[in-house]
Amino acid sequence: MGNDGGSIPTRRELVKESSKAKTLTEVKEKQKEHLAHRWTQCPLSKSQLKIPVVADYSGDLYNKDAIIQFLLPEEISTLSKQEAEEFVQGRVKSLKDVVEVQFEEADGKWVCPVTGKELGHSTKAVYIVPCGHAFSQEAIVEMKSNECPQCSQTFESPRDIIPILPTTEAEKHTILTRIETLRELGLSHSLKPVKGSKSKKRKAHDVEENKSDGQAVKAVKKGGSDSKLTGIKNAATAGLTQRVIQEEVEKKKQRLSNDTETIRSLYTQKGDEEKRKRDAYFMTRGFSYRD
């Protein structure tokens, strides 16, 4: 600093530089960097995205086990609920609010099954509700069909074509309009009925679902792993949920056990104290000898 022919920038120059408007190229590069991060990391667990992956109505991607952790009671969840909620912002309140995205894999990459292009920050991608199959956006636009190219399941086009990690204001406006429409119809993002709808048919569905939830709680307490007992129809989801819950219960038991041992070591047991006194008396008492 100094005597080197250079100059030290003033505060005014630093502020002016920081407030300088970024060029379009700089903005795009920053956006590309952000997208690359979001395509590879789960925002809740901060770990790498890996199958099974789910998405909410806004197109955000999560590891499925992270969403299950988020939905678990706070006392057994490994996630920081407050930090996670700051990101989720009420978009996910149950598994009905997410759809498992069915990615086609090739050479360790997610690709569009129609065009073969890699799905990521450099390619606009979408997924279909309710089946969840993912494609490049251009493939779906060219297909101009209301049947999934992978499974032939019908969907309402363009309503149920969800952009993955949308970047434009038009895309964001479209997905917000869609979820508002679904809520008015008493449907969730996955097109499953939402509890509390006025439809008698849906009320009957909720009653059955509440019974299933009660069975799920009983199954967790008993340690059952059957998907029928967990109250979740999808066997893969039931198995994953059961495994996550059991792992958290075991971790909690281990923590309690460690805490108990730590507390116990701070205190002397009554029996140990009496034994210590007897040993001290034995070592210090006198002896007499007779000739």
Protein backbone atom coordinates (compact mmCIF):
# COMPACT_ATOMS: atom_id res chain seq x y z
CA MET A 1 0.00 0.00 0.00
CA GLY A 2 1.59 3.31 -1.08
CA ASN A 3 4.93 4.10 -2.78
CA ASP A 4 4.12 1.58 -5.50
CA GLY A 5 2.88 3.99 -8.09
CA GLY A 6 -0.74 2.93 -7.54
CA SER A 7 -3.69 4.68 -5.92
CA ILE A 8 -6.15 3.78 -3.18
CA PRO A 9 -9.80 4.08 -4.29
CA THR A 10 -11.95 6.45 -2.25
CA ARG A 11 -15.28 5.46 -0.64
CA ARG A 12 -17.14 7.45 -3.28
CA GLU A 13 -15.44 5.48 -6.07
CA LEU A 14 -16.20 2.14 -4.37
CA VAL A 15 -19.89 3.00 -3.90
CA LYS A 16 -20.13 4.24 -7.47
CA GLU A 17 -18.60 1.00 -8.76
CA SER A 18 -20.91 -1.24 -6.69
CA SER A 19 -24.02 0.63 -7.81
CA LYS A 20 -23.02 0.48 -11.45
CA ALA A 21 -25.68 -1.27 -13.49
CA LYS A 22 -24.70 -4.74 -14.66
CA THR A 23 -24.67 -5.47 -18.34
CA LEU A 24 -27.09 -7.96 -19.89
CA THR A 25 -24.23 -10.41 -20.35
CA GLU A 26 -23.30 -10.19 -16.65
CA VAL A 27 -26.91 -10.74 -15.62
CA LYS A 28 -27.23 -13.81 -17.84
CA GLU A 29 -23.97 -15.26 -16.52
CA LYS A 30 -25.12 -14.77 -12.95
CA GLN A 31 -28.47 -16.38 -13.72
CA LYS A 32 -26.75 -19.29 -15.44
CA GLU A 33 -24.50 -19.83 -12.43
CA HIS A 34 -27.52 -19.75 -10.09
CA LEU A 35 -29.43 -22.25 -12.23
CA ALA A 36 -26.47 -24.62 -12.40
CA HIS A 37 -26.40 -24.63 -8.60
CA ARG A 38 -30.15 -25.23 -8.30
CA TRP A 39 -30.02 -28.11 -10.79
CA THR A 40 -27.44 -29.93 -8.67
CA GLN A 41 -28.23 -29.15 -5.03
CA CYS A 42 -31.32 -29.66 -2.85
CA PRO A 43 -32.17 -26.31 -1.20
CA LEU A 44 -33.39 -28.01 2.00
CA SER A 45 -30.75 -30.63 2.76
CA LYS A 46 -27.91 -28.76 1.00
CA SER A 47 -26.90 -32.10 -0.50
CA GLN A 48 -26.61 -33.22 -4.11
CA LEU A 49 -29.87 -33.81 -5.95
CA LYS A 50 -30.38 -37.50 -6.58
CA ILE A 51 -33.27 -39.79 -7.52
CA PRO A 52 -35.96 -39.75 -6.18
CA VAL A 53 -36.44 -36.04 -6.83
CA VAL A 54 -39.69 -34.12 -6.36
CA ALA A 55 -40.88 -30.69 -7.47
CA ASP A 56 -43.48 -28.28 -6.11
CA TYR A 57 -45.86 -26.13 -8.14
CA SER A 58 -43.22 -23.43 -8.61
CA GLY A 59 -40.86 -25.87 -10.36
CA ASP A 60 -38.29 -26.03 -7.53
CA LEU A 61 -36.49 -29.37 -7.18
CA TYR A 62 -35.87 -31.22 -3.89
CA ASN A 63 -34.60 -34.58 -2.75
CA LYS A 64 -37.66 -36.57 -1.76
CA ASP A 65 -36.19 -37.62 1.58
CA ALA A 66 -35.55 -33.94 2.39
CA ILE A 67 -39.22 -33.12 1.80
CA ILE A 68 -40.22 -36.02 4.08
CA GLN A 69 -37.86 -34.68 6.73
CA PHE A 70 -39.45 -31.24 6.31
CA LEU A 71 -42.93 -32.69 6.84
CA LEU A 72 -41.94 -34.73 9.92
CA PRO A 73 -42.52 -33.31 13.43
CA GLU A 74 -39.74 -30.93 14.45
CA GLU A 75 -38.59 -33.14 17.34
CA ILE A 76 -37.52 -35.96 15.01
CA SER A 77 -36.62 -33.97 11.88
CA THR A 78 -32.96 -33.35 11.08
CA LEU A 79 -33.76 -30.16 9.15
CA SER A 80 -33.91 -26.66 10.53
CA LYS A 81 -37.64 -26.04 10.13
CA GLN A 82 -37.30 -22.26 10.27
CA GLU A 83 -34.60 -22.15 7.59
CA ALA A 84 -36.44 -24.64 5.39
CA GLU A 85 -39.74 -22.75 5.68
CA GLU A 86 -38.02 -19.54 4.59
CA PHE A 87 -37.34 -21.25 1.27
CA VAL A 88 -40.53 -23.29 0.91
CA GLN A 89 -42.78 -20.37 1.96
CA GLY A 90 -45.87 -22.51 2.48
CA ARG A 91 -45.78 -24.19 -0.92
CA VAL A 92 -45.42 -27.68 0.57
CA LYS A 93 -47.70 -28.78 3.40
CA SER A 94 -48.07 -32.44 2.46
CA LEU A 95 -46.83 -34.92 -0.13
CA LYS A 96 -49.83 -33.90 -2.26
CA ASP A 97 -48.05 -30.60 -2.87
CA VAL A 98 -45.17 -32.22 -4.72
CA VAL A 99 -44.84 -34.50 -7.74
CA GLU A 100 -42.02 -37.02 -8.14
CA VAL A 101 -40.14 -36.03 -11.29
CA GLN A 102 -39.38 -38.98 -13.56
CA PHE A 103 -36.03 -38.16 -15.14
CA GLU A 104 -34.60 -40.26 -17.98
CA GLU A 105 -30.97 -41.06 -17.17
CA ALA A 106 -28.14 -41.65 -19.66
CA ASP A 107 -24.44 -41.83 -18.76
CA GLY A 108 -25.16 -40.39 -15.33
CA LYS A 109 -27.03 -37.39 -16.74
CA TRP A 110 -30.70 -36.43 -16.93
CA VAL A 111 -31.78 -36.22 -20.56
CA CYS A 112 -34.90 -35.57 -22.57
CA PRO A 113 -36.24 -38.94 -23.82
CA VAL A 114 -37.45 -37.29 -27.03
CA THR A 115 -34.55 -35.03 -28.11
CA GLY A 116 -31.74 -36.67 -26.15
CA LYS A 117 -30.59 -33.27 -24.88
CA GLU A 118 -29.20 -33.01 -21.37
CA LEU A 119 -31.68 -31.41 -18.96
CA GLY A 120 -30.08 -28.69 -16.89
CA HIS A 121 -29.28 -25.01 -16.71
CA SER A 122 -28.51 -24.82 -20.45
CA THR A 123 -31.80 -26.41 -21.58
CA LYS A 124 -35.28 -25.29 -20.62
CA ALA A 125 -37.04 -28.27 -19.13
CA VAL A 126 -40.58 -29.11 -18.03
CA TYR A 127 -42.39 -31.93 -16.29
CA ILE A 128 -45.95 -33.15 -16.68
CA VAL A 129 -48.52 -33.47 -13.91
CA PRO A 130 -49.61 -35.94 -12.69
CA CYS A 131 -47.19 -38.54 -14.14
CA GLY A 132 -44.06 -36.45 -13.52
CA HIS A 133 -42.11 -37.32 -16.68
CA ALA A 134 -39.56 -34.65 -17.61
CA PHE A 135 -38.73 -33.37 -21.10
CA SER A 136 -37.06 -30.47 -22.81
CA GLN A 137 -39.54 -27.67 -23.36
CA GLU A 138 -39.05 -27.71 -27.12
CA ALA A 139 -40.00 -31.39 -27.29
CA ILE A 140 -43.36 -30.82 -25.58
CA VAL A 141 -44.06 -27.74 -27.71
CA GLU A 142 -43.39 -29.71 -30.89
CA MET A 143 -45.50 -32.70 -29.75
CA LYS A 144 -48.65 -30.58 -29.41
CA SER A 145 -50.43 -33.40 -27.61
CA ASN A 146 -52.26 -33.91 -24.32
CA GLU A 147 -50.73 -37.37 -23.83
CA CYS A 148 -47.39 -37.98 -22.14
CA PRO A 149 -44.87 -39.27 -24.71
CA GLN A 150 -43.47 -41.68 -22.12
CA CYS A 151 -46.52 -43.24 -20.46
CA SER A 152 -49.42 -42.00 -22.63
CA GLN A 153 -51.23 -40.64 -19.57
CA THR A 154 -53.49 -37.75 -20.48
CA PHE A 155 -53.06 -34.28 -18.99
CA GLU A 156 -54.54 -30.85 -19.47
CA SER A 157 -52.33 -28.87 -21.81
CA PRO A 158 -50.82 -26.36 -21.31
CA ARG A 159 -52.02 -26.08 -17.69
CA ASP A 160 -50.25 -29.16 -16.37
CA ILE A 161 -46.92 -28.61 -18.14
CA ILE A 162 -44.72 -27.21 -15.36
CA PRO A 163 -41.43 -25.42 -16.13
CA ILE A 164 -38.53 -26.66 -14.01
CA LEU A 165 -36.80 -23.76 -12.22
CA PRO A 166 -38.56 -21.04 -14.26
CA THR A 167 -36.66 -17.82 -14.89
CA THR A 168 -39.01 -15.52 -16.80
CA GLU A 169 -41.81 -13.47 -15.27
CA ALA A 170 -44.27 -14.95 -17.76
CA GLU A 171 -43.50 -18.49 -16.56
CA LYS A 172 -43.81 -17.48 -12.91
CA HIS A 173 -47.13 -15.76 -13.57
CA THR A 174 -48.45 -18.87 -15.37
CA ILE A 175 -47.64 -21.26 -12.51
CA LEU A 176 -49.16 -18.90 -9.93
CA THR A 177 -52.35 -18.63 -11.99
CA ARG A 178 -52.46 -22.42 -12.28
CA ILE A 179 -52.19 -23.12 -8.54
CA GLU A 180 -54.85 -20.50 -7.77
CA THR A 181 -57.18 -22.19 -10.25
CA LEU A 182 -56.51 -25.62 -8.74
CA ARG A 183 -57.17 -24.36 -5.23
CA GLU A 184 -60.53 -23.00 -6.32
CA LEU A 185 -61.31 -26.50 -7.61
CA GLY A 186 -60.22 -28.05 -4.31
CA LEU A 187 -57.16 -29.68 -5.87
CA SER A 188 -53.50 -29.77 -4.91
CA HIS A 189 -50.51 -29.36 -7.23
CA SER A 190 -50.50 -33.13 -7.84
CA LEU A 191 -54.22 -32.89 -8.76
CA LYS A 192 -55.22 -34.78 -5.61
CA PRO A 193 -58.12 -33.45 -3.52
CA VAL A 194 -57.29 -30.98 -0.77
CA LYS A 195 -58.73 -31.47 2.70
CA GLY A 196 -61.54 -29.11 3.60
CA SER A 197 -63.16 -28.89 0.17
CA LYS A 198 -66.94 -28.50 0.06
CA SER A 199 -67.50 -31.45 -2.23
CA LYS A 200 -69.24 -34.37 -0.50
CA LYS A 201 -67.19 -36.77 -2.53
CA ARG A 202 -64.00 -35.08 -1.42
CA LYS A 203 -65.19 -35.01 2.19
CA ALA A 204 -65.69 -38.76 2.04
CA HIS A 205 -62.19 -39.08 0.57
CA ASP A 206 -60.78 -37.01 3.46
CA VAL A 207 -62.49 -39.24 6.04
CA GLU A 208 -60.85 -42.29 4.51
CA GLU A 209 -57.53 -40.45 4.35
CA ASN A 210 -57.73 -39.50 8.05
CA LYS A 211 -58.30 -43.17 8.90
CA SER A 212 -55.23 -44.03 6.86
CA ASP A 213 -53.22 -41.35 8.68
CA GLY A 214 -54.26 -42.89 12.00
CA GLN A 215 -53.11 -46.29 10.79
CA ALA A 216 -49.84 -44.75 9.67
CA VAL A 217 -49.14 -43.38 13.16
CA LYS A 218 -49.91 -46.75 14.73
CA ALA A 219 -47.68 -48.49 12.22
CA VAL A 220 -44.77 -46.16 13.01
CA LYS A 221 -45.16 -46.78 16.74
CA LYS A 222 -45.24 -50.54 16.20
CA GLY A 223 -42.33 -50.38 13.77
CA GLY A 224 -44.31 -51.86 10.88
CA SER A 225 -42.96 -51.43 7.37
CA ASP A 226 -45.87 -52.63 5.25
CA SER A 227 -47.09 -49.90 2.86
CA LYS A 228 -50.68 -50.83 3.72
CA LEU A 229 -50.03 -50.06 7.37
CA THR A 230 -48.30 -46.73 6.71
CA GLY A 231 -51.40 -45.38 5.01
CA ILE A 232 -49.43 -44.43 1.88
CA LYS A 233 -50.58 -46.13 -1.32
CA ASN A 234 -47.32 -45.70 -3.23
CA ALA A 235 -45.05 -48.54 -2.04
CA ALA A 236 -41.82 -46.68 -2.82
CA THR A 237 -42.94 -43.56 -0.94
CA ALA A 238 -44.20 -45.66 1.96
CA GLY A 239 -40.89 -47.48 2.22
CA LEU A 240 -38.85 -44.28 2.08
CA THR A 241 -41.05 -42.56 4.65
CA GLN A 242 -40.87 -45.55 6.98
CA ARG A 243 -37.09 -45.73 6.67
CA VAL A 244 -36.62 -42.01 7.38
CA ILE A 245 -38.91 -42.15 10.42
CA GLN A 246 -37.22 -45.24 11.84
CA GLU A 247 -33.78 -43.70 11.36
CA GLU A 248 -34.82 -40.56 13.22
CA VAL A 249 -36.39 -42.57 16.05
CA GLU A 250 -33.18 -44.59 16.44
CA LYS A 251 -31.07 -41.42 16.41
CA LYS A 252 -33.29 -39.89 19.09
CA LYS A 253 -32.99 -43.02 21.25
CA GLN A 254 -29.20 -42.95 20.87
CA ARG A 255 -29.04 -39.27 21.83
CA LEU A 256 -31.19 -39.92 24.91
CA SER A 257 -29.01 -42.88 25.85
CA ASN A 258 -25.83 -40.82 25.52
CA ASP A 259 -27.32 -37.97 27.54
CA THR A 260 -28.39 -40.39 30.28
CA GLU A 261 -24.91 -41.91 30.53
CA THR A 262 -23.35 -38.45 30.64
CA ILE A 263 -25.63 -37.33 33.47
CA ARG A 264 -25.12 -40.59 35.34
CA SER A 265 -21.34 -40.17 35.22
CA LEU A 266 -21.65 -36.85 37.04
CA TYR A 267 -23.07 -38.48 40.15
CA THR A 268 -21.73 -41.18 42.44
CA GLN A 269 -24.04 -44.10 42.98
CA LYS A 270 -24.99 -44.88 46.58
CA GLY A 271 -23.58 -48.42 46.37
CA ASP A 272 -20.32 -47.10 44.92
CA GLU A 273 -19.97 -44.62 47.78
CA GLU A 274 -20.46 -47.31 50.44
CA LYS A 275 -17.93 -49.58 48.73
CA ARG A 276 -15.40 -46.72 48.62
CA LYS A 277 -15.80 -46.14 52.38
CA ARG A 278 -15.32 -49.85 53.12
CA ASP A 279 -12.19 -49.99 51.00
CA ALA A 280 -10.78 -46.92 52.74
CA TYR A 281 -11.50 -48.42 56.18
CA PHE A 282 -9.83 -51.71 55.19
CA MET A 283 -6.66 -49.95 54.05
CA THR A 284 -6.32 -47.70 57.13
CA ARG A 285 -7.47 -49.81 60.01
CA GLY A 286 -4.78 -51.06 62.46
CA PHE A 287 -3.73 -54.64 63.24
CA SER A 288 -2.34 -56.15 66.47
CA TYR A 289 -0.06 -59.09 66.74
CA ARG A 290 0.50 -61.37 69.71
CA ASP A 291 3.75 -63.10 70.52
